[in-house]
Amino acid sequence: MANPTSKTSSLMVRLDSESKQALVAAAELRRISISDYVRTVTVAQARREVSSAADRTILLSPDEQLAFWQALNSPVKLTPAQKRLGALMRGNQ
């Protein structure tokens, strides 16, 4: 965590009303202020991402993991250019 005697700086973020309401609800669940919630969650996440980047690993949230898995497992739809290239490489012209 930051040194309590260190200077702080502010950060302004613009959110749509749905996103702000999600932050309000999450902060209420933890019984902390919205500022404390944003600081606690975003700083921790930022540190994990910086650490994983330093380790040269990819850190994905559960939703990102699912999207990645679905992208890998969905059937490939070749473009006409890819089909022509495949035919050319097989010797079918």
PDB file of N, CA and C in Angstrom:
ATOM      1  N   MET A   1       0.833  -1.182   0.000  1.00  0.00           N
ATOM      2  CA  MET A   1       0.000   0.000   0.000  1.00  0.00           C
ATOM      3  C   MET A   1       0.875   1.241   0.000  1.00  0.00           C
ATOM      4  N   ALA A   2       0.244   2.371  -0.255  1.00  0.00           N
ATOM      5  CA  ALA A   2       0.972   3.637  -0.296  1.00  0.00           C
ATOM      6  C   ALA A   2       1.355   4.062   1.111  1.00  0.00           C
ATOM      7  N   ASN A   3       2.418   4.806   1.184  1.00  0.00           N
ATOM      8  CA  ASN A   3       2.865   5.355   2.456  1.00  0.00           C
ATOM      9  C   ASN A   3       1.850   6.389   2.916  1.00  0.00           C
ATOM     10  N   PRO A   4       1.320   6.309   4.160  1.00  0.00           N
ATOM     11  CA  PRO A   4       0.298   7.240   4.605  1.00  0.00           C
ATOM     12  C   PRO A   4       0.752   8.697   4.620  1.00  0.00           C
ATOM     13  N   THR A   5       2.059   8.933   4.668  1.00  0.00           N
ATOM     14  CA  THR A   5       2.546  10.301   4.672  1.00  0.00           C
ATOM     15  C   THR A   5       2.796  10.826   3.267  1.00  0.00           C
ATOM     16  N   SER A   6       2.643   9.965   2.251  1.00  0.00           N
ATOM     17  CA  SER A   6       2.889  10.413   0.887  1.00  0.00           C
ATOM     18  C   SER A   6       1.737  11.282   0.400  1.00  0.00           C
ATOM     19  N   LYS A   7       2.058  12.157  -0.542  1.00  0.00           N
ATOM     20  CA  LYS A   7       1.024  13.032  -1.098  1.00  0.00           C
ATOM     21  C   LYS A   7       0.095  12.199  -1.972  1.00  0.00           C
ATOM     22  N   THR A   8      -1.149  12.632  -2.039  1.00  0.00           N
ATOM     23  CA  THR A   8      -2.118  11.948  -2.887  1.00  0.00           C
ATOM     24  C   THR A   8      -2.471  12.835  -4.058  1.00  0.00           C
ATOM     25  N   SER A   9      -3.007  12.235  -5.079  1.00  0.00           N
ATOM     26  CA  SER A   9      -3.488  13.000  -6.224  1.00  0.00           C
ATOM     27  C   SER A   9      -4.861  12.469  -6.600  1.00  0.00           C
ATOM     28  N   SER A  10      -5.650  13.314  -7.221  1.00  0.00           N
ATOM     29  CA  SER A  10      -6.993  12.877  -7.582  1.00  0.00           C
ATOM     30  C   SER A  10      -7.022  12.356  -8.999  1.00  0.00           C
ATOM     31  N   LEU A  11      -8.065  11.598  -9.248  1.00  0.00           N
ATOM     32  CA  LEU A  11      -8.298  11.022 -10.556  1.00  0.00           C
ATOM     33  C   LEU A  11      -9.790  11.159 -10.839  1.00  0.00           C
ATOM     34  N   MET A  12     -10.117  11.782 -11.944  1.00  0.00           N
ATOM     35  CA  MET A  12     -11.523  11.950 -12.299  1.00  0.00           C
ATOM     36  C   MET A  12     -11.848  10.957 -13.408  1.00  0.00           C
ATOM     37  N   VAL A  13     -12.961  10.278 -13.244  1.00  0.00           N
ATOM     38  CA  VAL A  13     -13.378   9.288 -14.231  1.00  0.00           C
ATOM     39  C   VAL A  13     -14.823   9.569 -14.610  1.00  0.00           C
ATOM     40  N   ARG A  14     -15.104   9.573 -15.895  1.00  0.00           N
ATOM     41  CA  ARG A  14     -16.479   9.749 -16.361  1.00  0.00           C
ATOM     42  C   ARG A  14     -17.075   8.375 -16.626  1.00  0.00           C
ATOM     43  N   LEU A  15     -18.277   8.151 -16.089  1.00  0.00           N
ATOM     44  CA  LEU A  15     -18.956   6.870 -16.236  1.00  0.00           C
ATOM     45  C   LEU A  15     -20.374   7.081 -16.717  1.00  0.00           C
ATOM     46  N   ASP A  16     -20.896   6.095 -17.433  1.00  0.00           N
ATOM     47  CA  ASP A  16     -22.317   6.140 -17.742  1.00  0.00           C
ATOM     48  C   ASP A  16     -23.068   5.770 -16.457  1.00  0.00           C
ATOM     49  N   SER A  17     -24.354   6.055 -16.403  1.00  0.00           N
ATOM     50  CA  SER A  17     -25.113   5.870 -15.165  1.00  0.00           C
ATOM     51  C   SER A  17     -25.166   4.408 -14.737  1.00  0.00           C
ATOM     52  N   GLU A  18     -25.204   3.480 -15.685  1.00  0.00           N
ATOM     53  CA  GLU A  18     -25.243   2.054 -15.333  1.00  0.00           C
ATOM     54  C   GLU A  18     -23.949   1.618 -14.650  1.00  0.00           C
ATOM     55  N   SER A  19     -22.822   2.078 -15.167  1.00  0.00           N
ATOM     56  CA  SER A  19     -21.528   1.743 -14.570  1.00  0.00           C
ATOM     57  C   SER A  19     -21.393   2.352 -13.179  1.00  0.00           C
ATOM     58  N   LYS A  20     -21.825   3.594 -13.035  1.00  0.00           N
ATOM     59  CA  LYS A  20     -21.744   4.243 -11.724  1.00  0.00           C
ATOM     60  C   LYS A  20     -22.615   3.514 -10.723  1.00  0.00           C
ATOM     61  N   GLN A  21     -23.810   3.106 -11.142  1.00  0.00           N
ATOM     62  CA  GLN A  21     -24.697   2.395 -10.225  1.00  0.00           C
ATOM     63  C   GLN A  21     -24.079   1.070  -9.794  1.00  0.00           C
ATOM     64  N   ALA A  22     -23.381   0.407 -10.708  1.00  0.00           N
ATOM     65  CA  ALA A  22     -22.704  -0.841 -10.350  1.00  0.00           C
ATOM     66  C   ALA A  22     -21.638  -0.589  -9.288  1.00  0.00           C
ATOM     67  N   LEU A  23     -20.890   0.511  -9.433  1.00  0.00           N
ATOM     68  CA  LEU A  23     -19.877   0.847  -8.427  1.00  0.00           C
ATOM     69  C   LEU A  23     -20.516   1.191  -7.085  1.00  0.00           C
ATOM     70  N   VAL A  24     -21.610   1.935  -7.129  1.00  0.00           N
ATOM     71  CA  VAL A  24     -22.321   2.298  -5.893  1.00  0.00           C
ATOM     72  C   VAL A  24     -22.786   1.028  -5.179  1.00  0.00           C
ATOM     73  N   ALA A  25     -23.396   0.110  -5.933  1.00  0.00           N
ATOM     74  CA  ALA A  25     -23.905  -1.125  -5.332  1.00  0.00           C
ATOM     75  C   ALA A  25     -22.767  -1.966  -4.748  1.00  0.00           C
ATOM     76  N   ALA A  26     -21.658  -2.069  -5.477  1.00  0.00           N
ATOM     77  CA  ALA A  26     -20.522  -2.851  -4.992  1.00  0.00           C
ATOM     78  C   ALA A  26     -19.926  -2.232  -3.732  1.00  0.00           C
ATOM     79  N   ALA A  27     -19.820  -0.914  -3.718  1.00  0.00           N
ATOM     80  CA  ALA A  27     -19.293  -0.229  -2.527  1.00  0.00           C
ATOM     81  C   ALA A  27     -20.214  -0.443  -1.338  1.00  0.00           C
ATOM     82  N   GLU A  28     -21.516  -0.386  -1.574  1.00  0.00           N
ATOM     83  CA  GLU A  28     -22.476  -0.614  -0.493  1.00  0.00           C
ATOM     84  C   GLU A  28     -22.354  -2.030   0.063  1.00  0.00           C
ATOM     85  N   LEU A  29     -22.112  -2.999  -0.807  1.00  0.00           N
ATOM     86  CA  LEU A  29     -21.934  -4.376  -0.340  1.00  0.00           C
ATOM     87  C   LEU A  29     -20.751  -4.493   0.618  1.00  0.00           C
ATOM     88  N   ARG A  30     -19.711  -3.741   0.346  1.00  0.00           N
ATOM     89  CA  ARG A  30     -18.522  -3.769   1.214  1.00  0.00           C
ATOM     90  C   ARG A  30     -18.620  -2.767   2.364  1.00  0.00           C
ATOM     91  N   ARG A  31     -19.661  -1.940   2.321  1.00  0.00           N
ATOM     92  CA  ARG A  31     -19.877  -0.899   3.346  1.00  0.00           C
ATOM     93  C   ARG A  31     -18.706   0.080   3.418  1.00  0.00           C
ATOM     94  N   ILE A  32     -18.273   0.482   2.219  1.00  0.00           N
ATOM     95  CA  ILE A  32     -17.220   1.488   2.121  1.00  0.00           C
ATOM     96  C   ILE A  32     -17.663   2.538   1.106  1.00  0.00           C
ATOM     97  N   SER A  33     -16.953   3.641   1.072  1.00  0.00           N
ATOM     98  CA  SER A  33     -17.297   4.697   0.122  1.00  0.00           C
ATOM     99  C   SER A  33     -16.969   4.244  -1.305  1.00  0.00           C
ATOM    100  N   ILE A  34     -17.563   4.925  -2.251  1.00  0.00           N
ATOM    101  CA  ILE A  34     -17.284   4.614  -3.659  1.00  0.00           C
ATOM    102  C   ILE A  34     -15.801   4.851  -3.953  1.00  0.00           C
ATOM    103  N   SER A  35     -15.265   5.945  -3.430  1.00  0.00           N
ATOM    104  CA  SER A  35     -13.839   6.234  -3.643  1.00  0.00           C
ATOM    105  C   SER A  35     -12.960   5.125  -3.094  1.00  0.00           C
ATOM    106  N   ASP A  36     -13.272   4.665  -1.870  1.00  0.00           N
ATOM    107  CA  ASP A  36     -12.489   3.576  -1.283  1.00  0.00           C
ATOM    108  C   ASP A  36     -12.635   2.298  -2.101  1.00  0.00           C
ATOM    109  N   TYR A  37     -13.836   2.033  -2.582  1.00  0.00           N
ATOM    110  CA  TYR A  37     -14.053   0.834  -3.398  1.00  0.00           C
ATOM    111  C   TYR A  37     -13.217   0.896  -4.681  1.00  0.00           C
ATOM    112  N   VAL A  38     -13.321   2.021  -5.383  1.00  0.00           N
ATOM    113  CA  VAL A  38     -12.573   2.171  -6.641  1.00  0.00           C
ATOM    114  C   VAL A  38     -11.073   2.054  -6.368  1.00  0.00           C
ATOM    115  N   ARG A  39     -10.610   2.704  -5.319  1.00  0.00           N
ATOM    116  CA  ARG A  39      -9.186   2.657  -4.977  1.00  0.00           C
ATOM    117  C   ARG A  39      -8.768   1.224  -4.641  1.00  0.00           C
ATOM    118  N   THR A  40      -9.541   0.536  -3.835  1.00  0.00           N
ATOM    119  CA  THR A  40      -9.196  -0.817  -3.412  1.00  0.00           C
ATOM    120  C   THR A  40      -9.172  -1.790  -4.587  1.00  0.00           C
ATOM    121  N   VAL A  41     -10.209  -1.755  -5.379  1.00  0.00           N
ATOM    122  CA  VAL A  41     -10.334  -2.733  -6.471  1.00  0.00           C
ATOM    123  C   VAL A  41      -9.410  -2.407  -7.635  1.00  0.00           C
ATOM    124  N   THR A  42      -9.401  -1.157  -8.078  1.00  0.00           N
ATOM    125  CA  THR A  42      -8.621  -0.836  -9.276  1.00  0.00           C
ATOM    126  C   THR A  42      -7.117  -0.887  -9.029  1.00  0.00           C
ATOM    127  N   VAL A  43      -6.683  -0.436  -7.873  1.00  0.00           N
ATOM    128  CA  VAL A  43      -5.242  -0.481  -7.591  1.00  0.00           C
ATOM    129  C   VAL A  43      -4.775  -1.929  -7.494  1.00  0.00           C
ATOM    130  N   ALA A  44      -5.554  -2.778  -6.829  1.00  0.00           N
ATOM    131  CA  ALA A  44      -5.180  -4.190  -6.727  1.00  0.00           C
ATOM    132  C   ALA A  44      -5.132  -4.833  -8.115  1.00  0.00           C
ATOM    133  N   GLN A  45      -6.131  -4.551  -8.945  1.00  0.00           N
ATOM    134  CA  GLN A  45      -6.154  -5.107 -10.298  1.00  0.00           C
ATOM    135  C   GLN A  45      -4.981  -4.579 -11.127  1.00  0.00           C
ATOM    136  N   ALA A  46      -4.716  -3.299 -11.018  1.00  0.00           N
ATOM    137  CA  ALA A  46      -3.600  -2.714 -11.764  1.00  0.00           C
ATOM    138  C   ALA A  46      -2.278  -3.359 -11.359  1.00  0.00           C
ATOM    139  N   ARG A  47      -2.095  -3.600 -10.069  1.00  0.00           N
ATOM    140  CA  ARG A  47      -0.863  -4.240  -9.605  1.00  0.00           C
ATOM    141  C   ARG A  47      -0.738  -5.664 -10.143  1.00  0.00           C
ATOM    142  N   ARG A  48      -1.859  -6.411 -10.176  1.00  0.00           N
ATOM    143  CA  ARG A  48      -1.823  -7.765 -10.739  1.00  0.00           C
ATOM    144  C   ARG A  48      -1.444  -7.727 -12.217  1.00  0.00           C
ATOM    145  N   GLU A  49      -2.016  -6.774 -12.951  1.00  0.00           N
ATOM    146  CA  GLU A  49      -1.723  -6.681 -14.387  1.00  0.00           C
ATOM    147  C   GLU A  49      -0.274  -6.298 -14.639  1.00  0.00           C
ATOM    148  N   VAL A  50       0.252  -5.370 -13.857  1.00  0.00           N
ATOM    149  CA  VAL A  50       1.658  -4.969 -14.011  1.00  0.00           C
ATOM    150  C   VAL A  50       2.570  -6.141 -13.670  1.00  0.00           C
ATOM    151  N   SER A  51       2.228  -6.872 -12.612  1.00  0.00           N
ATOM    152  CA  SER A  51       3.027  -8.029 -12.214  1.00  0.00           C
ATOM    153  C   SER A  51       2.997  -9.116 -13.286  1.00  0.00           C
ATOM    154  N   SER A  52       1.820  -9.390 -13.830  1.00  0.00           N
ATOM    155  CA  SER A  52       1.731 -10.427 -14.863  1.00  0.00           C
ATOM    156  C   SER A  52       2.461  -9.991 -16.131  1.00  0.00           C
ATOM    157  N   ALA A  53       2.443  -8.708 -16.435  1.00  0.00           N
ATOM    158  CA  ALA A  53       3.179  -8.211 -17.599  1.00  0.00           C
ATOM    159  C   ALA A  53       4.678  -8.388 -17.386  1.00  0.00           C
ATOM    160  N   ALA A  54       5.119  -8.146 -16.161  1.00  0.00           N
ATOM    161  CA  ALA A  54       6.544  -8.322 -15.858  1.00  0.00           C
ATOM    162  C   ALA A  54       6.932  -9.794 -15.970  1.00  0.00           C
ATOM    163  N   ASP A  55       6.003 -10.689 -15.634  1.00  0.00           N
ATOM    164  CA  ASP A  55       6.258 -12.127 -15.727  1.00  0.00           C
ATOM    165  C   ASP A  55       6.019 -12.668 -17.135  1.00  0.00           C
ATOM    166  N   ARG A  56       5.547 -11.779 -18.021  1.00  0.00           N
ATOM    167  CA  ARG A  56       5.208 -12.149 -19.402  1.00  0.00           C
ATOM    168  C   ARG A  56       4.121 -13.214 -19.449  1.00  0.00           C
ATOM    169  N   THR A  57       3.151 -13.051 -18.560  1.00  0.00           N
ATOM    170  CA  THR A  57       1.978 -13.922 -18.576  1.00  0.00           C
ATOM    171  C   THR A  57       0.756 -13.072 -18.871  1.00  0.00           C
ATOM    172  N   ILE A  58      -0.285 -13.725 -19.350  1.00  0.00           N
ATOM    173  CA  ILE A  58      -1.531 -13.019 -19.639  1.00  0.00           C
ATOM    174  C   ILE A  58      -2.513 -13.328 -18.529  1.00  0.00           C
ATOM    175  N   LEU A  59      -3.043 -12.293 -17.932  1.00  0.00           N
ATOM    176  CA  LEU A  59      -4.003 -12.445 -16.858  1.00  0.00           C
ATOM    177  C   LEU A  59      -5.380 -12.090 -17.402  1.00  0.00           C
ATOM    178  N   LEU A  60      -6.303 -13.052 -17.378  1.00  0.00           N
ATOM    179  CA  LEU A  60      -7.645 -12.827 -17.892  1.00  0.00           C
ATOM    180  C   LEU A  60      -8.668 -12.997 -16.773  1.00  0.00           C
ATOM    181  N   SER A  61      -9.685 -12.143 -16.805  1.00  0.00           N
ATOM    182  CA  SER A  61     -10.794 -12.292 -15.872  1.00  0.00           C
ATOM    183  C   SER A  61     -11.591 -13.521 -16.283  1.00  0.00           C
ATOM    184  N   PRO A  62     -12.473 -14.035 -15.428  1.00  0.00           N
ATOM    185  CA  PRO A  62     -13.301 -15.182 -15.830  1.00  0.00           C
ATOM    186  C   PRO A  62     -14.091 -14.925 -17.120  1.00  0.00           C
ATOM    187  N   ASP A  63     -14.650 -13.740 -17.284  1.00  0.00           N
ATOM    188  CA  ASP A  63     -15.378 -13.422 -18.514  1.00  0.00           C
ATOM    189  C   ASP A  63     -14.449 -13.421 -19.722  1.00  0.00           C
ATOM    190  N   GLU A  64     -13.242 -12.873 -19.547  1.00  0.00           N
ATOM    191  CA  GLU A  64     -12.271 -12.860 -20.639  1.00  0.00           C
ATOM    192  C   GLU A  64     -11.799 -14.272 -20.971  1.00  0.00           C
ATOM    193  N   GLN A  65     -11.638 -15.119 -19.937  1.00  0.00           N
ATOM    194  CA  GLN A  65     -11.251 -16.504 -20.167  1.00  0.00           C
ATOM    195  C   GLN A  65     -12.306 -17.227 -21.001  1.00  0.00           C
ATOM    196  N   LEU A  66     -13.572 -17.021 -20.662  1.00  0.00           N
ATOM    197  CA  LEU A  66     -14.657 -17.657 -21.394  1.00  0.00           C
ATOM    198  C   LEU A  66     -14.691 -17.173 -22.843  1.00  0.00           C
ATOM    199  N   ALA A  67     -14.560 -15.866 -23.045  1.00  0.00           N
ATOM    200  CA  ALA A  67     -14.567 -15.321 -24.407  1.00  0.00           C
ATOM    201  C   ALA A  67     -13.395 -15.877 -25.213  1.00  0.00           C
ATOM    202  N   PHE A  68     -12.233 -15.990 -24.604  1.00  0.00           N
ATOM    203  CA  PHE A  68     -11.054 -16.533 -25.281  1.00  0.00           C
ATOM    204  C   PHE A  68     -11.282 -17.994 -25.652  1.00  0.00           C
ATOM    205  N   TRP A  69     -11.797 -18.786 -24.710  1.00  0.00           N
ATOM    206  CA  TRP A  69     -12.075 -20.192 -24.961  1.00  0.00           C
ATOM    207  C   TRP A  69     -13.095 -20.357 -26.085  1.00  0.00           C
ATOM    208  N   GLN A  70     -14.152 -19.550 -26.057  1.00  0.00           N
ATOM    209  CA  GLN A  70     -15.171 -19.635 -27.102  1.00  0.00           C
ATOM    210  C   GLN A  70     -14.591 -19.261 -28.464  1.00  0.00           C
ATOM    211  N   ALA A  71     -13.717 -18.272 -28.493  1.00  0.00           N
ATOM    212  CA  ALA A  71     -13.093 -17.881 -29.759  1.00  0.00           C
ATOM    213  C   ALA A  71     -12.214 -19.003 -30.306  1.00  0.00           C
ATOM    214  N   LEU A  72     -11.512 -19.696 -29.423  1.00  0.00           N
ATOM    215  CA  LEU A  72     -10.657 -20.800 -29.865  1.00  0.00           C
ATOM    216  C   LEU A  72     -11.466 -22.002 -30.333  1.00  0.00           C
ATOM    217  N   ASN A  73     -12.641 -22.201 -29.751  1.00  0.00           N
ATOM    218  CA  ASN A  73     -13.432 -23.385 -30.057  1.00  0.00           C
ATOM    219  C   ASN A  73     -14.518 -23.165 -31.097  1.00  0.00           C
ATOM    220  N   SER A  74     -14.700 -21.945 -31.546  1.00  0.00           N
ATOM    221  CA  SER A  74     -15.724 -21.718 -32.565  1.00  0.00           C
ATOM    222  C   SER A  74     -15.156 -22.095 -33.935  1.00  0.00           C
ATOM    223  N   PRO A  75     -16.016 -22.601 -34.810  1.00  0.00           N
ATOM    224  CA  PRO A  75     -15.521 -22.995 -36.125  1.00  0.00           C
ATOM    225  C   PRO A  75     -14.982 -21.790 -36.902  1.00  0.00           C
ATOM    226  N   VAL A  76     -13.948 -22.050 -37.647  1.00  0.00           N
ATOM    227  CA  VAL A  76     -13.327 -20.998 -38.444  1.00  0.00           C
ATOM    228  C   VAL A  76     -14.116 -20.830 -39.736  1.00  0.00           C
ATOM    229  N   LYS A  77     -14.422 -19.590 -40.082  1.00  0.00           N
ATOM    230  CA  LYS A  77     -15.078 -19.310 -41.348  1.00  0.00           C
ATOM    231  C   LYS A  77     -14.055 -18.616 -42.240  1.00  0.00           C
ATOM    232  N   LEU A  78     -13.645 -19.332 -43.272  1.00  0.00           N
ATOM    233  CA  LEU A  78     -12.617 -18.796 -44.163  1.00  0.00           C
ATOM    234  C   LEU A  78     -13.206 -17.740 -45.093  1.00  0.00           C
ATOM    235  N   THR A  79     -12.396 -16.739 -45.357  1.00  0.00           N
ATOM    236  CA  THR A  79     -12.775 -15.715 -46.335  1.00  0.00           C
ATOM    237  C   THR A  79     -12.534 -16.267 -47.735  1.00  0.00           C
ATOM    238  N   PRO A  80     -13.148 -15.680 -48.743  1.00  0.00           N
ATOM    239  CA  PRO A  80     -12.882 -16.141 -50.115  1.00  0.00           C
ATOM    240  C   PRO A  80     -11.389 -16.122 -50.460  1.00  0.00           C
ATOM    241  N   ALA A  81     -10.682 -15.103 -50.005  1.00  0.00           N
ATOM    242  CA  ALA A  81      -9.244 -15.023 -50.288  1.00  0.00           C
ATOM    243  C   ALA A  81      -8.496 -16.182 -49.628  1.00  0.00           C
ATOM    244  N   GLN A  82      -8.885 -16.556 -48.409  1.00  0.00           N
ATOM    245  CA  GLN A  82      -8.241 -17.677 -47.732  1.00  0.00           C
ATOM    246  C   GLN A  82      -8.544 -18.993 -48.460  1.00  0.00           C
ATOM    247  N   LYS A  83      -9.758 -19.133 -48.950  1.00  0.00           N
ATOM    248  CA  LYS A  83     -10.125 -20.339 -49.706  1.00  0.00           C
ATOM    249  C   LYS A  83      -9.294 -20.437 -50.990  1.00  0.00           C
ATOM    250  N   ARG A  84      -9.130 -19.327 -51.691  1.00  0.00           N
ATOM    251  CA  ARG A  84      -8.317 -19.323 -52.911  1.00  0.00           C
ATOM    252  C   ARG A  84      -6.863 -19.672 -52.592  1.00  0.00           C
ATOM    253  N   LEU A  85      -6.341 -19.109 -51.512  1.00  0.00           N
ATOM    254  CA  LEU A  85      -4.967 -19.405 -51.123  1.00  0.00           C
ATOM    255  C   LEU A  85      -4.806 -20.881 -50.793  1.00  0.00           C
ATOM    256  N   GLY A  86      -5.768 -21.446 -50.060  1.00  0.00           N
ATOM    257  CA  GLY A  86      -5.722 -22.868 -49.731  1.00  0.00           C
ATOM    258  C   GLY A  86      -5.730 -23.730 -50.976  1.00  0.00           C
ATOM    259  N   ALA A  87      -6.592 -23.372 -51.937  1.00  0.00           N
ATOM    260  CA  ALA A  87      -6.652 -24.119 -53.196  1.00  0.00           C
ATOM    261  C   ALA A  87      -5.337 -24.007 -53.959  1.00  0.00           C
ATOM    262  N   LEU A  88      -4.764 -22.827 -53.966  1.00  0.00           N
ATOM    263  CA  LEU A  88      -3.493 -22.595 -54.647  1.00  0.00           C
ATOM    264  C   LEU A  88      -2.386 -23.429 -53.999  1.00  0.00           C
ATOM    265  N   MET A  89      -2.367 -23.465 -52.674  1.00  0.00           N
ATOM    266  CA  MET A  89      -1.332 -24.209 -51.954  1.00  0.00           C
ATOM    267  C   MET A  89      -1.484 -25.724 -52.144  1.00  0.00           C
ATOM    268  N   ARG A  90      -2.722 -26.190 -52.334  1.00  0.00           N
ATOM    269  CA  ARG A  90      -2.948 -27.611 -52.586  1.00  0.00           C
ATOM    270  C   ARG A  90      -2.696 -27.971 -54.051  1.00  0.00           C
ATOM    271  N   GLY A  91      -2.452 -26.982 -54.887  1.00  0.00           N
ATOM    272  CA  GLY A  91      -2.217 -27.219 -56.296  1.00  0.00           C
ATOM    273  C   GLY A  91      -3.497 -27.242 -57.117  1.00  0.00           C
ATOM    274  N   ASN A  92      -4.626 -26.880 -56.530  1.00  0.00           N
ATOM    275  CA  ASN A  92      -5.898 -26.778 -57.231  1.00  0.00           C
ATOM    276  C   ASN A  92      -6.062 -25.330 -57.689  1.00  0.00           C
ATOM    277  N   GLN A  93      -6.084 -25.144 -58.983  1.00  0.00           N
ATOM    278  CA  GLN A  93      -6.182 -23.756 -59.435  1.00  0.00           C
ATOM    279  C   GLN A  93      -7.449 -23.511 -60.072  1.00  0.00           C
TER     280      GLN A  93
END
